[in-house]
Amino acid sequence: MAKIFVEAYGCSASFSDSEMISGLILNGGHTLVDNSSESDLNIVVTCSVKDATANKMIHRIKSLKTKPLIVAGCLPKAEKLTVEKFSENASMLGPNSLGKTLQVIDSTLKGTKLIALEDTDLSKVGLPKVRLNPVVGIVEIASGCMSECTFCQTKLSKGDLTSYRIGDIVRQIETEINDGCKEIWLTSTDNGCYGFDINTDLPSLIDTVVEIPQDFKVRVGMMNPMYMARIRENLIKSFENDKVYKFLHIPVQSGSNTVLNDMKRGHTVETFRDVVKKARDRFPEFTISTDVIVGFPSETQEDFEKTVNLLKETRPDVVNLSKYSARPGTEAAEWEQIDVSVVKKRSKEIFELINQIAFENNQKWIGWRGDVFFDEKTEEGIKGRNFAYKSIFVDENVEIGQTHTIEITNVTKHSLVGKIAS
């Protein structure tokens, strides 16, 4: 029986995978340790979505390979040769190969490299877990996606859409709640196309989940705009339930339809604009999060300015900004790239704009008073969330898992600052 160290990077699905790997480790009779200096074997659950992230993964692989190592997650599936280049003896475990976890561990401990990157038929719903956060249950509702984006490696890692059945997801959520979770994250590669392969959809799932009688909140994870036309009306209706955070993460990526077409995103700027308008018309205090890529190979100055104008018009609360990076195996990596200095300049301009918009949006919350659930330990302190999933900090001592009535007294670009209301 071995002492095993597990760490994870990337999206919430990646962290969910690490929770399940940890659960399988304990079920297999091994023990978990908090750092690699105490371990017999190290496991790193990787992300490969951007160059900067992939470089960080390579750094971690080099650091952890002094002991038997398993590289799990997206990087080995998308870039097996990269992993072998930096650690030729590392075993590998794909994002849809969790059924082989104990087999790969046993082989690696015996000194035999084992590569398990093929998808197994094991559903990720119902697997044992060791939660990273005792009050947040991360529930994967599907794996893979239906998109073919020219810049994205995720399809190479996760494959085609496989949705899990609503009944199985509900049972998993009931387990999470019974174990003390008060916040449920519905996550997948793309929540927007959830259920299309099994004759259901995301609004149907949300409507069923909120019928679970206990007191809890639901955060609906990232969904691509291309499927919004099929689910938009019912989705916004499903957000009417008080259990659902008024929060949508819909990555537009560009304000130019020409660039979106080259990216094979499957949506137009109008699709994004329409969803934002419908959500805010129905719920005036609704948090919109989006993603923007600057410097995509075919992006002209005019295309870039369209993105700037779209952000000024729609004023999203959160923008995850990325400088385009050519990922191995993707279509756009083969195209002629834009000069780095141009990409840098465009990135700086949008960075300043999104900070300004975020700060101005947050200022509207000064004086707001209401319930805040404190759900996360951060370097700044315990972070809370209100009904619109806004980040909130207070000076008073609060515990993770508590709910307090808070009055907002100040704001920053990234969060609201308040005090416990007497």
Protein backbone atom coordinates (compact mmCIF):
# COMPACT_ATOMS: atom_id res chain seq x y z
CA MET A 1 0.00 0.00 0.00
CA ALA A 2 1.47 3.32 -1.08
CA LYS A 3 1.42 6.97 -0.02
CA ILE A 4 0.17 8.96 -3.02
CA PHE A 5 0.22 12.71 -3.76
CA VAL A 6 -2.41 14.07 -6.20
CA GLU A 7 -2.58 17.60 -7.63
CA ALA A 8 -4.80 19.10 -10.34
CA TYR A 9 -4.84 22.02 -12.77
CA GLY A 10 -7.31 23.51 -15.23
CA CYS A 11 -11.10 23.53 -15.35
CA SER A 12 -13.61 22.32 -12.77
CA ALA A 13 -13.94 19.01 -14.67
CA SER A 14 -10.20 18.45 -14.18
CA PHE A 15 -10.54 19.07 -10.42
CA SER A 16 -13.55 16.74 -10.36
CA ASP A 17 -11.42 14.04 -12.04
CA SER A 18 -8.76 14.50 -9.34
CA GLU A 19 -11.41 14.07 -6.62
CA MET A 20 -12.48 10.78 -8.21
CA ILE A 21 -8.88 9.59 -8.65
CA SER A 22 -8.32 10.32 -4.95
CA GLY A 23 -11.50 8.41 -4.05
CA LEU A 24 -10.38 5.39 -6.09
CA ILE A 25 -6.94 5.55 -4.41
CA LEU A 26 -8.48 5.30 -0.92
CA ASN A 27 -10.86 2.55 -2.06
CA GLY A 28 -7.81 0.66 -3.36
CA GLY A 29 -6.27 0.69 0.13
CA HIS A 30 -3.62 3.35 -0.52
CA THR A 31 -3.28 6.59 1.48
CA LEU A 32 -3.23 10.21 0.31
CA VAL A 33 -0.54 12.66 1.40
CA ASP A 34 -0.54 16.45 1.23
CA ASN A 35 2.79 16.92 -0.49
CA SER A 36 5.16 15.18 -2.82
CA SER A 37 8.01 15.05 -0.30
CA GLU A 38 6.07 12.40 1.68
CA SER A 39 4.85 10.34 -1.28
CA ASP A 40 5.80 7.01 -2.84
CA LEU A 41 4.07 8.03 -6.08
CA ASN A 42 2.90 11.35 -7.60
CA ILE A 43 -0.13 11.97 -9.81
CA VAL A 44 -0.65 15.26 -11.68
CA VAL A 45 -4.01 15.86 -13.39
CA THR A 46 -3.09 18.16 -16.26
CA CYS A 47 -4.65 20.80 -18.51
CA SER A 48 -3.36 21.67 -21.98
CA VAL A 49 -5.72 24.39 -23.14
CA LYS A 50 -3.06 27.13 -23.61
CA ASP A 51 0.70 27.32 -24.18
CA ALA A 52 1.23 28.96 -20.79
CA THR A 53 -0.73 26.18 -19.06
CA ALA A 54 1.10 23.44 -20.97
CA ASN A 55 4.45 24.99 -19.98
CA LYS A 56 3.37 24.96 -16.34
CA MET A 57 2.43 21.27 -16.70
CA ILE A 58 5.88 20.51 -18.14
CA HIS A 59 7.49 22.28 -15.17
CA ARG A 60 5.38 20.19 -12.74
CA ILE A 61 6.19 16.95 -14.59
CA LYS A 62 9.92 17.71 -14.31
CA SER A 63 9.53 18.54 -10.58
CA LEU A 64 7.50 15.43 -9.73
CA LYS A 65 9.37 12.81 -11.81
CA THR A 66 11.99 12.23 -9.09
CA LYS A 67 9.49 9.61 -7.86
CA PRO A 68 7.20 7.22 -9.75
CA LEU A 69 4.84 9.50 -11.70
CA ILE A 70 1.44 9.26 -13.37
CA VAL A 71 0.50 12.11 -15.73
CA ALA A 72 -3.31 12.20 -15.98
CA GLY A 73 -5.85 14.51 -17.64
CA CYS A 74 -5.78 16.28 -20.99
CA LEU A 75 -2.05 16.70 -21.72
CA PRO A 76 -1.15 12.99 -22.16
CA LYS A 77 -4.21 12.38 -24.35
CA ALA A 78 -3.55 15.40 -26.59
CA GLU A 79 0.27 15.43 -26.46
CA LYS A 80 1.60 12.02 -25.46
CA LEU A 81 5.01 12.72 -27.00
CA THR A 82 5.40 15.92 -24.97
CA VAL A 83 4.91 13.97 -21.73
CA GLU A 84 7.43 11.31 -22.87
CA LYS A 85 9.94 13.99 -23.85
CA PHE A 86 10.06 15.36 -20.30
CA SER A 87 9.49 12.12 -18.38
CA GLU A 88 10.08 9.00 -20.43
CA ASN A 89 9.14 6.70 -17.55
CA ALA A 90 5.87 8.38 -16.55
CA SER A 91 2.68 6.35 -16.77
CA MET A 92 -0.33 8.06 -18.35
CA LEU A 93 -4.05 8.13 -17.59
CA GLY A 94 -6.54 9.81 -19.95
CA PRO A 95 -9.48 11.98 -18.83
CA ASN A 96 -11.93 9.22 -19.79
CA SER A 97 -9.80 6.33 -18.50
CA LEU A 98 -10.46 6.64 -14.76
CA GLY A 99 -11.58 2.99 -14.63
CA LYS A 100 -7.91 2.04 -15.08
CA THR A 101 -6.67 4.23 -12.17
CA LEU A 102 -5.73 1.43 -9.73
CA GLN A 103 -4.24 -0.72 -12.50
CA VAL A 104 -1.97 2.17 -13.60
CA ILE A 105 -0.98 2.90 -9.98
CA ASP A 106 -0.09 -0.75 -9.26
CA SER A 107 1.97 -1.06 -12.44
CA THR A 108 3.82 2.23 -11.83
CA LEU A 109 4.65 1.27 -8.24
CA LYS A 110 6.22 -1.96 -9.56
CA GLY A 111 8.40 0.10 -11.90
CA THR A 112 6.48 -0.67 -15.09
CA LYS A 113 5.23 2.25 -17.17
CA LEU A 114 1.58 1.81 -18.18
CA ILE A 115 -0.27 4.00 -20.67
CA ALA A 116 -4.08 4.03 -20.35
CA LEU A 117 -5.40 6.70 -22.70
CA GLU A 118 -8.27 4.81 -24.30
CA ASP A 119 -11.77 5.71 -23.12
CA THR A 120 -13.33 3.22 -20.72
CA ASP A 121 -17.07 2.65 -20.44
CA LEU A 122 -16.98 3.73 -16.80
CA SER A 123 -19.38 6.60 -16.07
CA LYS A 124 -17.92 9.35 -13.91
CA VAL A 125 -21.20 9.63 -12.02
CA GLY A 126 -21.24 7.64 -8.79
CA LEU A 127 -17.49 7.13 -8.40
CA PRO A 128 -16.00 7.53 -4.88
CA LYS A 129 -14.56 11.00 -4.19
CA VAL A 130 -12.29 12.93 -1.90
CA ARG A 131 -13.57 16.50 -2.13
CA LEU A 132 -11.18 19.42 -2.48
CA ASN A 133 -13.81 21.66 -0.89
CA PRO A 134 -16.14 20.17 1.78
CA VAL A 135 -19.09 22.43 0.87
CA VAL A 136 -18.86 22.30 -2.97
CA GLY A 137 -19.86 19.23 -4.94
CA ILE A 138 -18.43 19.19 -8.47
CA VAL A 139 -20.66 16.94 -10.58
CA GLU A 140 -19.66 16.06 -14.14
CA ILE A 141 -22.77 15.81 -16.27
CA ALA A 142 -21.04 14.79 -19.52
CA SER A 143 -17.67 14.25 -21.17
CA GLY A 144 -16.52 15.44 -24.59
CA CYS A 145 -18.26 17.90 -26.88
CA MET A 146 -19.90 18.35 -30.27
CA SER A 147 -17.67 21.18 -31.50
CA GLU A 148 -14.71 21.17 -33.91
CA CYS A 149 -13.05 24.49 -32.98
CA THR A 150 -9.87 25.12 -34.99
CA PHE A 151 -7.92 26.49 -31.97
CA CYS A 152 -8.93 24.00 -29.28
CA GLN A 153 -7.22 20.83 -28.09
CA THR A 154 -10.06 19.72 -25.82
CA LYS A 155 -11.73 17.60 -28.52
CA LEU A 156 -8.43 15.72 -28.97
CA SER A 157 -8.40 15.01 -25.23
CA LYS A 158 -12.05 14.37 -24.43
CA GLY A 159 -13.57 13.14 -27.68
CA ASP A 160 -17.24 13.22 -28.68
CA LEU A 161 -20.13 14.04 -26.38
CA THR A 162 -21.18 11.42 -23.85
CA SER A 163 -23.93 12.71 -21.56
CA TYR A 164 -24.74 11.01 -18.26
CA ARG A 165 -28.36 10.22 -17.47
CA ILE A 166 -30.40 12.66 -15.40
CA GLY A 167 -31.35 10.03 -12.81
CA ASP A 168 -27.69 9.09 -12.24
CA ILE A 169 -26.70 12.78 -11.93
CA VAL A 170 -29.51 13.43 -9.43
CA ARG A 171 -28.40 10.46 -7.30
CA GLN A 172 -24.84 11.81 -7.34
CA ILE A 173 -26.05 15.27 -6.28
CA GLU A 174 -28.12 13.74 -3.45
CA THR A 175 -24.95 12.00 -2.22
CA GLU A 176 -23.02 15.29 -2.36
CA ILE A 177 -25.73 17.10 -0.37
CA ASN A 178 -26.00 14.31 2.20
CA ASP A 179 -22.22 14.56 2.65
CA GLY A 180 -22.54 18.25 3.58
CA CYS A 181 -22.23 20.07 0.25
CA LYS A 182 -24.35 23.21 -0.03
CA GLU A 183 -23.25 24.26 -3.51
CA ILE A 184 -23.37 22.03 -6.60
CA TRP A 185 -21.38 22.77 -9.74
CA LEU A 186 -22.78 21.21 -12.92
CA THR A 187 -19.72 20.85 -15.11
CA SER A 188 -18.61 19.29 -18.40
CA THR A 189 -16.59 20.14 -21.50
CA ASP A 190 -19.62 22.05 -22.80
CA ASN A 191 -22.86 22.18 -20.78
CA GLY A 192 -24.70 23.74 -23.74
CA CYS A 193 -24.96 20.45 -25.65
CA TYR A 194 -25.66 18.31 -22.58
CA GLY A 195 -28.18 15.58 -23.35
CA PHE A 196 -28.35 16.01 -27.13
CA ASP A 197 -27.01 12.44 -27.49
CA ILE A 198 -29.58 10.95 -25.09
CA ASN A 199 -32.68 12.91 -26.11
CA THR A 200 -32.71 15.46 -23.30
CA ASP A 201 -31.13 18.86 -22.57
CA LEU A 202 -29.66 21.14 -19.91
CA PRO A 203 -32.89 22.92 -18.88
CA SER A 204 -34.52 19.53 -18.25
CA LEU A 205 -31.58 18.54 -16.06
CA ILE A 206 -31.65 21.81 -14.06
CA ASP A 207 -35.43 21.58 -13.58
CA THR A 208 -35.04 18.06 -12.17
CA VAL A 209 -32.07 18.93 -9.95
CA VAL A 210 -33.83 21.85 -8.24
CA GLU A 211 -36.65 19.50 -7.19
CA ILE A 212 -34.27 17.85 -4.72
CA PRO A 213 -35.80 19.09 -1.45
CA GLN A 214 -32.74 20.12 0.58
CA ASP A 215 -31.31 23.65 0.80
CA PHE A 216 -28.47 24.10 -1.72
CA LYS A 217 -27.33 26.29 -4.63
CA VAL A 218 -26.58 25.27 -8.22
CA ARG A 219 -23.85 26.83 -10.36
CA VAL A 220 -24.32 26.04 -14.04
CA GLY A 221 -20.92 25.73 -15.73
CA MET A 222 -19.59 26.84 -19.12
CA MET A 223 -21.71 26.46 -22.23
CA ASN A 224 -20.85 27.40 -25.79
CA PRO A 225 -23.26 29.85 -27.48
CA MET A 226 -23.72 27.69 -30.59
CA TYR A 227 -26.39 25.53 -28.91
CA MET A 228 -28.22 28.42 -27.26
CA ALA A 229 -30.86 28.74 -29.97
CA ARG A 230 -32.10 25.22 -29.09
CA ILE A 231 -32.30 25.71 -25.31
CA ARG A 232 -32.33 29.47 -24.63
CA GLU A 233 -35.99 30.02 -23.69
CA ASN A 234 -36.23 26.99 -21.41
CA LEU A 235 -32.78 27.65 -19.94
CA ILE A 236 -33.64 31.19 -18.85
CA LYS A 237 -36.93 29.87 -17.44
CA SER A 238 -35.03 27.25 -15.42
CA PHE A 239 -32.94 30.05 -13.85
CA GLU A 240 -36.11 31.39 -12.21
CA ASN A 241 -35.68 28.87 -9.38
CA ASP A 242 -34.00 30.46 -6.34
CA LYS A 243 -31.61 27.52 -6.05
CA VAL A 244 -29.90 28.46 -9.33
CA TYR A 245 -27.21 31.16 -9.25
CA LYS A 246 -28.00 33.93 -11.74
CA PHE A 247 -24.73 33.31 -13.57
CA LEU A 248 -23.87 32.22 -17.10
CA HIS A 249 -20.44 31.46 -18.57
CA ILE A 250 -20.81 31.78 -22.34
CA PRO A 251 -17.50 32.13 -24.24
CA VAL A 252 -17.96 34.42 -27.25
CA GLN A 253 -14.18 34.36 -28.12
CA SER A 254 -14.44 37.14 -30.76
CA GLY A 255 -16.68 40.05 -31.74
CA SER A 256 -16.15 39.32 -35.45
CA ASN A 257 -18.36 36.83 -37.30
CA THR A 258 -15.54 36.30 -39.82
CA VAL A 259 -13.15 35.20 -37.07
CA LEU A 260 -15.87 33.08 -35.39
CA ASN A 261 -16.39 31.33 -38.72
CA ASP A 262 -12.63 30.69 -39.05
CA MET A 263 -12.61 29.37 -35.48
CA LYS A 264 -15.52 27.03 -36.42
CA ARG A 265 -17.34 28.23 -33.32
CA GLY A 266 -20.78 27.56 -34.80
CA HIS A 267 -22.32 30.76 -33.39
CA THR A 268 -22.48 34.39 -34.41
CA VAL A 269 -21.97 37.57 -32.41
CA GLU A 270 -25.76 38.01 -32.57
CA THR A 271 -26.26 34.68 -30.75
CA PHE A 272 -24.15 35.89 -27.83
CA ARG A 273 -25.71 39.35 -27.80
CA ASP A 274 -29.21 37.84 -27.79
CA VAL A 275 -28.51 35.50 -24.84
CA VAL A 276 -27.01 38.34 -22.78
CA LYS A 277 -30.02 40.58 -23.51
CA LYS A 278 -32.59 37.86 -22.72
CA ALA A 279 -30.86 36.94 -19.44
CA ARG A 280 -30.56 40.55 -18.27
CA ASP A 281 -34.10 41.46 -19.36
CA ARG A 282 -35.42 38.62 -17.20
CA PHE A 283 -32.96 39.12 -14.30
CA PRO A 284 -31.56 42.68 -14.10
CA GLU A 285 -28.78 41.60 -11.71
CA PHE A 286 -27.37 38.71 -13.73
CA THR A 287 -23.66 37.89 -13.94
CA ILE A 288 -22.32 37.24 -17.43
CA SER A 289 -18.91 35.62 -17.79
CA THR A 290 -17.28 35.15 -21.18
CA ASP A 291 -13.96 34.24 -22.82
CA VAL A 292 -12.09 36.26 -25.45
CA ILE A 293 -9.11 35.20 -27.59
CA VAL A 294 -7.03 37.98 -29.15
CA GLY A 295 -4.55 37.41 -31.96
CA PHE A 296 -6.26 34.47 -33.66
CA PRO A 297 -4.33 33.98 -36.95
CA SER A 298 -7.02 35.50 -39.19
CA GLU A 299 -7.93 38.40 -36.86
CA THR A 300 -7.50 41.77 -38.63
CA GLN A 301 -7.40 45.14 -36.84
CA GLU A 302 -11.03 45.62 -37.90
CA ASP A 303 -11.97 42.24 -36.40
CA PHE A 304 -10.22 43.19 -33.17
CA GLU A 305 -12.11 46.50 -32.98
CA LYS A 306 -15.38 44.59 -33.37
CA THR A 307 -14.44 42.58 -30.27
CA VAL A 308 -13.69 45.78 -28.35
CA ASN A 309 -17.07 47.21 -29.42
CA LEU A 310 -18.94 44.04 -28.45
CA LEU A 311 -17.43 44.15 -24.94
CA LYS A 312 -18.37 47.84 -24.59
CA GLU A 313 -21.91 47.04 -25.69
CA THR A 314 -22.58 43.85 -23.67
CA ARG A 315 -20.42 44.77 -20.63
CA PRO A 316 -19.75 41.25 -19.30
CA ASP A 317 -18.91 41.06 -15.58
CA VAL A 318 -16.08 38.56 -16.04
CA VAL A 319 -13.86 38.15 -19.12
CA ASN A 320 -11.28 35.36 -19.30
CA LEU A 321 -8.77 36.90 -21.72
CA SER A 322 -6.29 34.76 -23.67
CA LYS A 323 -3.60 35.61 -26.17
CA TYR A 324 -3.97 33.07 -28.97
CA SER A 325 -1.44 30.27 -28.78
CA ALA A 326 -1.05 27.58 -31.42
CA ARG A 327 -1.79 24.22 -29.79
CA PRO A 328 -0.26 21.09 -31.39
CA GLY A 329 -2.71 19.02 -33.39
CA THR A 330 -5.19 21.86 -33.99
CA GLU A 331 -6.10 23.22 -37.43
CA ALA A 332 -5.22 26.88 -36.73
CA ALA A 333 -1.73 25.92 -35.54
CA GLU A 334 -0.85 25.32 -39.22
CA TRP A 335 -1.88 28.83 -40.30
CA GLU A 336 0.30 31.90 -40.61
CA GLN A 337 0.46 33.51 -37.16
CA ILE A 338 0.07 37.19 -36.20
CA ASP A 339 3.18 39.04 -34.99
CA VAL A 340 3.62 38.64 -31.22
CA SER A 341 3.95 42.41 -30.66
CA VAL A 342 0.54 43.00 -32.30
CA VAL A 343 -1.08 40.32 -30.14
CA LYS A 344 0.50 41.84 -27.02
CA LYS A 345 -0.78 45.33 -27.90
CA ARG A 346 -4.32 44.07 -28.53
CA SER A 347 -4.28 42.04 -25.33
CA LYS A 348 -3.22 45.06 -23.27
CA GLU A 349 -6.02 47.20 -24.72
CA ILE A 350 -8.70 44.61 -23.94
CA PHE A 351 -7.22 43.90 -20.49
CA GLU A 352 -7.60 47.56 -19.54
CA LEU A 353 -11.14 47.70 -20.97
CA ILE A 354 -12.42 44.61 -19.14
CA ASN A 355 -10.99 45.83 -15.83
CA GLN A 356 -12.76 49.15 -16.30
CA ILE A 357 -16.08 47.45 -17.18
CA ALA A 358 -15.79 45.03 -14.24
CA PHE A 359 -15.13 47.87 -11.79
CA GLU A 360 -18.02 49.96 -13.11
CA ASN A 361 -20.37 46.93 -13.01
CA ASN A 362 -19.33 46.17 -9.43
CA GLN A 363 -19.97 49.75 -8.28
CA LYS A 364 -23.68 49.21 -8.93
CA TRP A 365 -23.68 46.71 -6.04
CA ILE A 366 -22.66 49.25 -3.37
CA GLY A 367 -25.47 49.40 -0.81
CA TRP A 368 -26.87 45.98 -1.78
CA ARG A 369 -27.87 43.85 1.19
CA GLY A 370 -28.66 40.13 1.16
CA ASP A 371 -27.62 36.57 1.89
CA VAL A 372 -24.09 35.47 1.03
CA PHE A 373 -22.86 31.86 1.18
CA PHE A 374 -19.16 31.57 2.05
CA ASP A 375 -17.85 28.74 -0.10
CA GLU A 376 -14.10 29.04 -0.70
CA LYS A 377 -10.78 29.63 1.06
CA THR A 378 -8.52 31.97 -0.93
CA GLU A 379 -5.31 33.90 -0.28
CA GLU A 380 -7.45 37.01 0.36
CA GLY A 381 -9.63 35.20 2.92
CA ILE A 382 -12.92 33.30 2.86
CA LYS A 383 -14.83 34.16 -0.31
CA GLY A 384 -18.61 34.31 -0.42
CA ARG A 385 -21.17 34.36 -3.23
CA ASN A 386 -24.54 36.04 -3.48
CA PHE A 387 -27.51 35.01 -5.67
CA ALA A 388 -25.71 36.37 -8.77
CA TYR A 389 -22.50 34.47 -7.92
CA LYS A 390 -20.58 37.70 -7.26
CA SER A 391 -17.31 37.26 -5.31
CA ILE A 392 -17.70 38.86 -1.86
CA PHE A 393 -15.21 39.38 0.98
CA VAL A 394 -15.78 40.70 4.52
CA ASP A 395 -13.34 41.85 7.22
CA GLU A 396 -15.11 39.85 9.94
CA ASN A 397 -14.28 36.24 10.74
CA VAL A 398 -16.51 33.88 8.80
CA GLU A 399 -16.30 30.12 8.33
CA ILE A 400 -16.55 28.18 5.11
CA GLY A 401 -20.08 26.80 4.75
CA GLN A 402 -21.76 29.68 6.61
CA THR A 403 -24.41 32.04 5.23
CA HIS A 404 -24.58 35.65 6.47
CA THR A 405 -26.59 38.73 5.58
CA ILE A 406 -24.04 41.10 4.09
CA GLU A 407 -24.16 44.77 3.14
CA ILE A 408 -21.81 45.83 0.32
CA THR A 409 -19.73 48.87 1.27
CA ASN A 410 -16.93 48.89 -1.33
CA VAL A 411 -15.77 47.15 -4.51
CA THR A 412 -12.63 46.22 -6.44
CA LYS A 413 -12.26 45.16 -10.08
CA HIS A 414 -12.70 41.52 -9.13
CA SER A 415 -14.94 41.43 -6.07
CA LEU A 416 -17.40 43.13 -3.75
CA VAL A 417 -16.42 44.08 -0.20
CA GLY A 418 -18.95 44.15 2.61
CA LYS A 419 -19.76 43.80 6.27
CA ILE A 420 -22.06 41.52 8.22
CA ALA A 421 -25.34 43.38 8.58
CA SER A 422 -26.60 43.55 12.15
